[in-house]
């Protein structure tokens, strides 16, 4: 039995890439650093309690073991964005590290790789940025969308 929400997006919001009315998606070409053309998207999350990011990652031709990096940040004002954190506790001391999500695609033949990242929401805005590492010659592409659940403000 799942949680009940006053609101859940009927159709996910496309963040990176494009999707036709028939549900056919096209990924956006990845780059080696965050901030590449079309690879960063800010969207409103006010009143939402959960988001689920869904990805379709395809490696470039003849590539193996490339890594897609996903940075998710939040903002209360749509100006200042703060990256999620990871905590490591050792003998009562919490050490914080900026959180980044990574996924390794084994080979071009294995793609597209489909995966999701469900997260709780704390602020009014979220930002998703993606990039790729381990590229020999051909960058891959990614399609990303988000489903939002909660109570609208």
C-alpha atoms as a PDB file:
ATOM      1  CA  UNK A   1       0.000   0.000   0.000  1.00  0.00           C
ATOM      2  CA  UNK A   2       1.492   3.334  -1.096  1.00  0.00           C
ATOM      3  CA  UNK A   3       1.218   6.800   0.318  1.00  0.00           C
ATOM      4  CA  UNK A   4      -1.751   8.916  -0.731  1.00  0.00           C
ATOM      5  CA  UNK A   5      -1.089  12.417  -2.070  1.00  0.00           C
ATOM      6  CA  UNK A   6      -3.431  15.295  -2.765  1.00  0.00           C
ATOM      7  CA  UNK A   7      -1.435  15.891  -5.930  1.00  0.00           C
ATOM      8  CA  UNK A   8       0.713  13.825  -8.256  1.00  0.00           C
ATOM      9  CA  UNK A   9       1.762  14.804 -11.752  1.00  0.00           C
ATOM     10  CA  UNK A  10      -0.231  12.850 -14.293  1.00  0.00           C
ATOM     11  CA  UNK A  11       2.532  13.243 -16.856  1.00  0.00           C
ATOM     12  CA  UNK A  12       6.121  13.691 -15.705  1.00  0.00           C
ATOM     13  CA  UNK A  13       7.813  17.040 -16.355  1.00  0.00           C
ATOM     14  CA  UNK A  14      10.601  16.771 -18.934  1.00  0.00           C
ATOM     15  CA  UNK A  15      13.776  18.344 -17.566  1.00  0.00           C
ATOM     16  CA  UNK A  16      16.505  17.382 -20.044  1.00  0.00           C
ATOM     17  CA  UNK A  17      15.908  16.256 -23.623  1.00  0.00           C
ATOM     18  CA  UNK A  18      12.540  16.109 -25.379  1.00  0.00           C
ATOM     19  CA  UNK A  19       9.522  13.804 -25.404  1.00  0.00           C
ATOM     20  CA  UNK A  20       6.770  13.523 -27.996  1.00  0.00           C
ATOM     21  CA  UNK A  21       3.056  13.222 -27.238  1.00  0.00           C
ATOM     22  CA  UNK A  22       3.441   9.518 -28.103  1.00  0.00           C
ATOM     23  CA  UNK A  23       6.015   9.138 -25.302  1.00  0.00           C
ATOM     24  CA  UNK A  24       9.090   8.848 -27.525  1.00  0.00           C
ATOM     25  CA  UNK A  25      12.045  10.594 -25.869  1.00  0.00           C
ATOM     26  CA  UNK A  26      15.260  12.022 -27.269  1.00  0.00           C
ATOM     27  CA  UNK A  27      18.192  12.604 -24.967  1.00  0.00           C
ATOM     28  CA  UNK A  28      20.386  15.693 -24.820  1.00  0.00           C
ATOM     29  CA  UNK A  29      24.112  15.419 -25.621  1.00  0.00           C
ATOM     30  CA  UNK A  30      26.188  15.315 -22.447  1.00  0.00           C
ATOM     31  CA  UNK A  31      29.348  17.356 -21.787  1.00  0.00           C
ATOM     32  CA  UNK A  32      32.329  16.939 -19.451  1.00  0.00           C
ATOM     33  CA  UNK A  33      31.208  19.569 -16.920  1.00  0.00           C
ATOM     34  CA  UNK A  34      28.003  20.701 -15.248  1.00  0.00           C
ATOM     35  CA  UNK A  35      26.357  23.594 -17.064  1.00  0.00           C
ATOM     36  CA  UNK A  36      26.536  22.223 -20.612  1.00  0.00           C
ATOM     37  CA  UNK A  37      23.907  23.460 -23.057  1.00  0.00           C
ATOM     38  CA  UNK A  38      20.480  22.157 -22.048  1.00  0.00           C
ATOM     39  CA  UNK A  39      21.904  19.970 -19.264  1.00  0.00           C
ATOM     40  CA  UNK A  40      20.746  22.044 -16.277  1.00  0.00           C
ATOM     41  CA  UNK A  41      17.103  22.626 -15.358  1.00  0.00           C
ATOM     42  CA  UNK A  42      15.414  24.449 -12.463  1.00  0.00           C
ATOM     43  CA  UNK A  43      11.805  23.609 -11.574  1.00  0.00           C
ATOM     44  CA  UNK A  44       9.308  24.548  -8.871  1.00  0.00           C
ATOM     45  CA  UNK A  45       8.635  22.162  -5.983  1.00  0.00           C
ATOM     46  CA  UNK A  46       6.611  24.370  -3.610  1.00  0.00           C
ATOM     47  CA  UNK A  47       4.084  22.250  -1.696  1.00  0.00           C
ATOM     48  CA  UNK A  48       5.537  19.004  -3.018  1.00  0.00           C
ATOM     49  CA  UNK A  49       6.911  16.399  -0.602  1.00  0.00           C
ATOM     50  CA  UNK A  50       8.463  13.834  -2.967  1.00  0.00           C
ATOM     51  CA  UNK A  51      10.063  13.848  -6.391  1.00  0.00           C
ATOM     52  CA  UNK A  52      11.162  10.931  -8.532  1.00  0.00           C
ATOM     53  CA  UNK A  53      13.774  11.648 -11.201  1.00  0.00           C
ATOM     54  CA  UNK A  54      13.714   9.164 -14.099  1.00  0.00           C
ATOM     55  CA  UNK A  55      16.671   8.873 -16.479  1.00  0.00           C
ATOM     56  CA  UNK A  56      17.488   7.215 -19.805  1.00  0.00           C
ATOM     57  CA  UNK A  57      21.284   7.266 -20.275  1.00  0.00           C
ATOM     58  CA  UNK A  58      22.874   6.161 -23.558  1.00  0.00           C
ATOM     59  CA  UNK A  59      26.627   5.937 -24.031  1.00  0.00           C
ATOM     60  CA  UNK A  60      28.289   7.395 -27.113  1.00  0.00           C
ATOM     61  CA  UNK A  61      29.293   5.107 -29.977  1.00  0.00           C
ATOM     62  CA  UNK A  62      32.030   2.577 -29.082  1.00  0.00           C
ATOM     63  CA  UNK A  63      32.235   3.804 -25.457  1.00  0.00           C
ATOM     64  CA  UNK A  64      32.429   1.582 -22.357  1.00  0.00           C
ATOM     65  CA  UNK A  65      32.175   2.255 -18.622  1.00  0.00           C
ATOM     66  CA  UNK A  66      31.286   5.930 -18.974  1.00  0.00           C
ATOM     67  CA  UNK A  67      29.821   7.655 -15.929  1.00  0.00           C
ATOM     68  CA  UNK A  68      26.895  10.069 -15.785  1.00  0.00           C
ATOM     69  CA  UNK A  69      27.062  12.510 -12.864  1.00  0.00           C
ATOM     70  CA  UNK A  70      23.856  14.031 -11.464  1.00  0.00           C
ATOM     71  CA  UNK A  71      23.922  17.051  -9.144  1.00  0.00           C
ATOM     72  CA  UNK A  72      20.695  17.986  -7.390  1.00  0.00           C
ATOM     73  CA  UNK A  73      20.430  21.275  -5.507  1.00  0.00           C
ATOM     74  CA  UNK A  74      17.559  23.040  -3.732  1.00  0.00           C
ATOM     75  CA  UNK A  75      16.589  26.665  -3.161  1.00  0.00           C
ATOM     76  CA  UNK A  76      14.098  28.629  -1.093  1.00  0.00           C
ATOM     77  CA  UNK A  77      14.351  31.727  -3.329  1.00  0.00           C
ATOM     78  CA  UNK A  78      15.254  30.465  -6.857  1.00  0.00           C
ATOM     79  CA  UNK A  79      18.508  32.450  -6.581  1.00  0.00           C
ATOM     80  CA  UNK A  80      20.767  30.671  -4.088  1.00  0.00           C
ATOM     81  CA  UNK A  81      20.990  26.899  -4.609  1.00  0.00           C
ATOM     82  CA  UNK A  82      22.391  24.419  -2.084  1.00  0.00           C
ATOM     83  CA  UNK A  83      23.703  20.962  -2.914  1.00  0.00           C
ATOM     84  CA  UNK A  84      22.442  17.890  -1.066  1.00  0.00           C
ATOM     85  CA  UNK A  85      24.848  16.588   1.553  1.00  0.00           C
ATOM     86  CA  UNK A  86      26.076  13.186   2.731  1.00  0.00           C
ATOM     87  CA  UNK A  87      27.094  12.644   6.321  1.00  0.00           C
ATOM     88  CA  UNK A  88      29.805  10.349   7.648  1.00  0.00           C
ATOM     89  CA  UNK A  89      29.853   9.893  11.441  1.00  0.00           C
ATOM     90  CA  UNK A  90      33.055   8.820  13.183  1.00  0.00           C
ATOM     91  CA  UNK A  91      33.316   8.750  16.991  1.00  0.00           C
ATOM     92  CA  UNK A  92      30.500  11.229  17.353  1.00  0.00           C
ATOM     93  CA  UNK A  93      31.750  13.721  14.747  1.00  0.00           C
ATOM     94  CA  UNK A  94      29.637  14.374  11.648  1.00  0.00           C
ATOM     95  CA  UNK A  95      31.640  15.151   8.514  1.00  0.00           C
ATOM     96  CA  UNK A  96      29.613  16.562   5.626  1.00  0.00           C
ATOM     97  CA  UNK A  97      30.334  16.018   1.926  1.00  0.00           C
ATOM     98  CA  UNK A  98      28.550  17.442  -1.101  1.00  0.00           C
ATOM     99  CA  UNK A  99      26.347  14.718  -2.537  1.00  0.00           C
ATOM    100  CA  UNK A 100      26.547  13.688  -6.166  1.00  0.00           C
ATOM    101  CA  UNK A 101      24.749  10.792  -7.804  1.00  0.00           C
ATOM    102  CA  UNK A 102      26.703   8.706 -10.353  1.00  0.00           C
ATOM    103  CA  UNK A 103      25.774   5.820 -12.623  1.00  0.00           C
ATOM    104  CA  UNK A 104      28.159   3.774 -14.792  1.00  0.00           C
ATOM    105  CA  UNK A 105      27.012   2.458 -18.148  1.00  0.00           C
ATOM    106  CA  UNK A 106      28.860  -0.753 -19.074  1.00  0.00           C
ATOM    107  CA  UNK A 107      28.682  -0.493 -22.861  1.00  0.00           C
ATOM    108  CA  UNK A 108      26.850   1.015 -25.807  1.00  0.00           C
ATOM    109  CA  UNK A 109      25.182  -2.360 -26.366  1.00  0.00           C
ATOM    110  CA  UNK A 110      23.631  -2.250 -22.881  1.00  0.00           C
ATOM    111  CA  UNK A 111      21.821   1.051 -23.281  1.00  0.00           C
ATOM    112  CA  UNK A 112      19.773   2.936 -22.901  1.00  0.00           C
ATOM    113  CA  UNK A 113      20.154   2.503 -19.163  1.00  0.00           C
ATOM    114  CA  UNK A 114      16.910   3.321 -17.353  1.00  0.00           C
ATOM    115  CA  UNK A 115      17.008   4.252 -13.648  1.00  0.00           C
ATOM    116  CA  UNK A 116      15.366   6.569 -11.129  1.00  0.00           C
ATOM    117  CA  UNK A 117      16.259   8.574  -8.030  1.00  0.00           C
ATOM    118  CA  UNK A 118      13.414   9.192  -5.528  1.00  0.00           C
ATOM    119  CA  UNK A 119      14.002  12.079  -3.091  1.00  0.00           C
ATOM    120  CA  UNK A 120      12.256  14.064  -0.383  1.00  0.00           C
ATOM    121  CA  UNK A 121      11.731  17.786  -1.016  1.00  0.00           C
ATOM    122  CA  UNK A 122      12.746  20.513   1.434  1.00  0.00           C
ATOM    123  CA  UNK A 123      12.565  23.793  -0.523  1.00  0.00           C
ATOM    124  CA  UNK A 124      10.493  25.631  -3.116  1.00  0.00           C
ATOM    125  CA  UNK A 125      12.837  24.998  -6.068  1.00  0.00           C
ATOM    126  CA  UNK A 126      15.135  22.224  -7.287  1.00  0.00           C
ATOM    127  CA  UNK A 127      17.882  22.151  -9.879  1.00  0.00           C
ATOM    128  CA  UNK A 128      19.111  19.110 -11.795  1.00  0.00           C
ATOM    129  CA  UNK A 129      22.449  19.251 -13.621  1.00  0.00           C
ATOM    130  CA  UNK A 130      24.175  16.389 -15.469  1.00  0.00           C
ATOM    131  CA  UNK A 131      27.557  15.703 -17.072  1.00  0.00           C
ATOM    132  CA  UNK A 132      29.602  12.674 -18.202  1.00  0.00           C
ATOM    133  CA  UNK A 133      33.109  11.403 -17.429  1.00  0.00           C
ATOM    134  CA  UNK A 134      35.274   8.572 -18.743  1.00  0.00           C
ATOM    135  CA  UNK A 135      34.606   9.538 -22.355  1.00  0.00           C
ATOM    136  CA  UNK A 136      37.164   8.357 -24.924  1.00  0.00           C
ATOM    137  CA  UNK A 137      35.809  10.177 -27.977  1.00  0.00           C
ATOM    138  CA  UNK A 138      32.005  10.138 -28.081  1.00  0.00           C
ATOM    139  CA  UNK A 139      29.771  11.702 -25.438  1.00  0.00           C
ATOM    140  CA  UNK A 140      26.512   9.979 -24.671  1.00  0.00           C
ATOM    141  CA  UNK A 141      23.105  11.505 -24.109  1.00  0.00           C
ATOM    142  CA  UNK A 142      20.494  11.594 -21.383  1.00  0.00           C
ATOM    143  CA  UNK A 143      16.777  12.115 -21.116  1.00  0.00           C
ATOM    144  CA  UNK A 144      15.556  13.150 -17.648  1.00  0.00           C
ATOM    145  CA  UNK A 145      12.072  13.772 -16.267  1.00  0.00           C
ATOM    146  CA  UNK A 146      10.565  14.250 -12.821  1.00  0.00           C
ATOM    147  CA  UNK A 147       7.312  13.123 -11.226  1.00  0.00           C
ATOM    148  CA  UNK A 148       6.187  15.346  -8.341  1.00  0.00           C
ATOM    149  CA  UNK A 149       3.953  14.203  -5.459  1.00  0.00           C
ATOM    150  CA  UNK A 150       2.547  16.101  -2.503  1.00  0.00           C
ATOM    151  CA  UNK A 151       0.125  18.906  -1.724  1.00  0.00           C
ATOM    152  CA  UNK A 152       0.247  22.020  -3.879  1.00  0.00           C
ATOM    153  CA  UNK A 153       0.603  25.303  -2.058  1.00  0.00           C
END
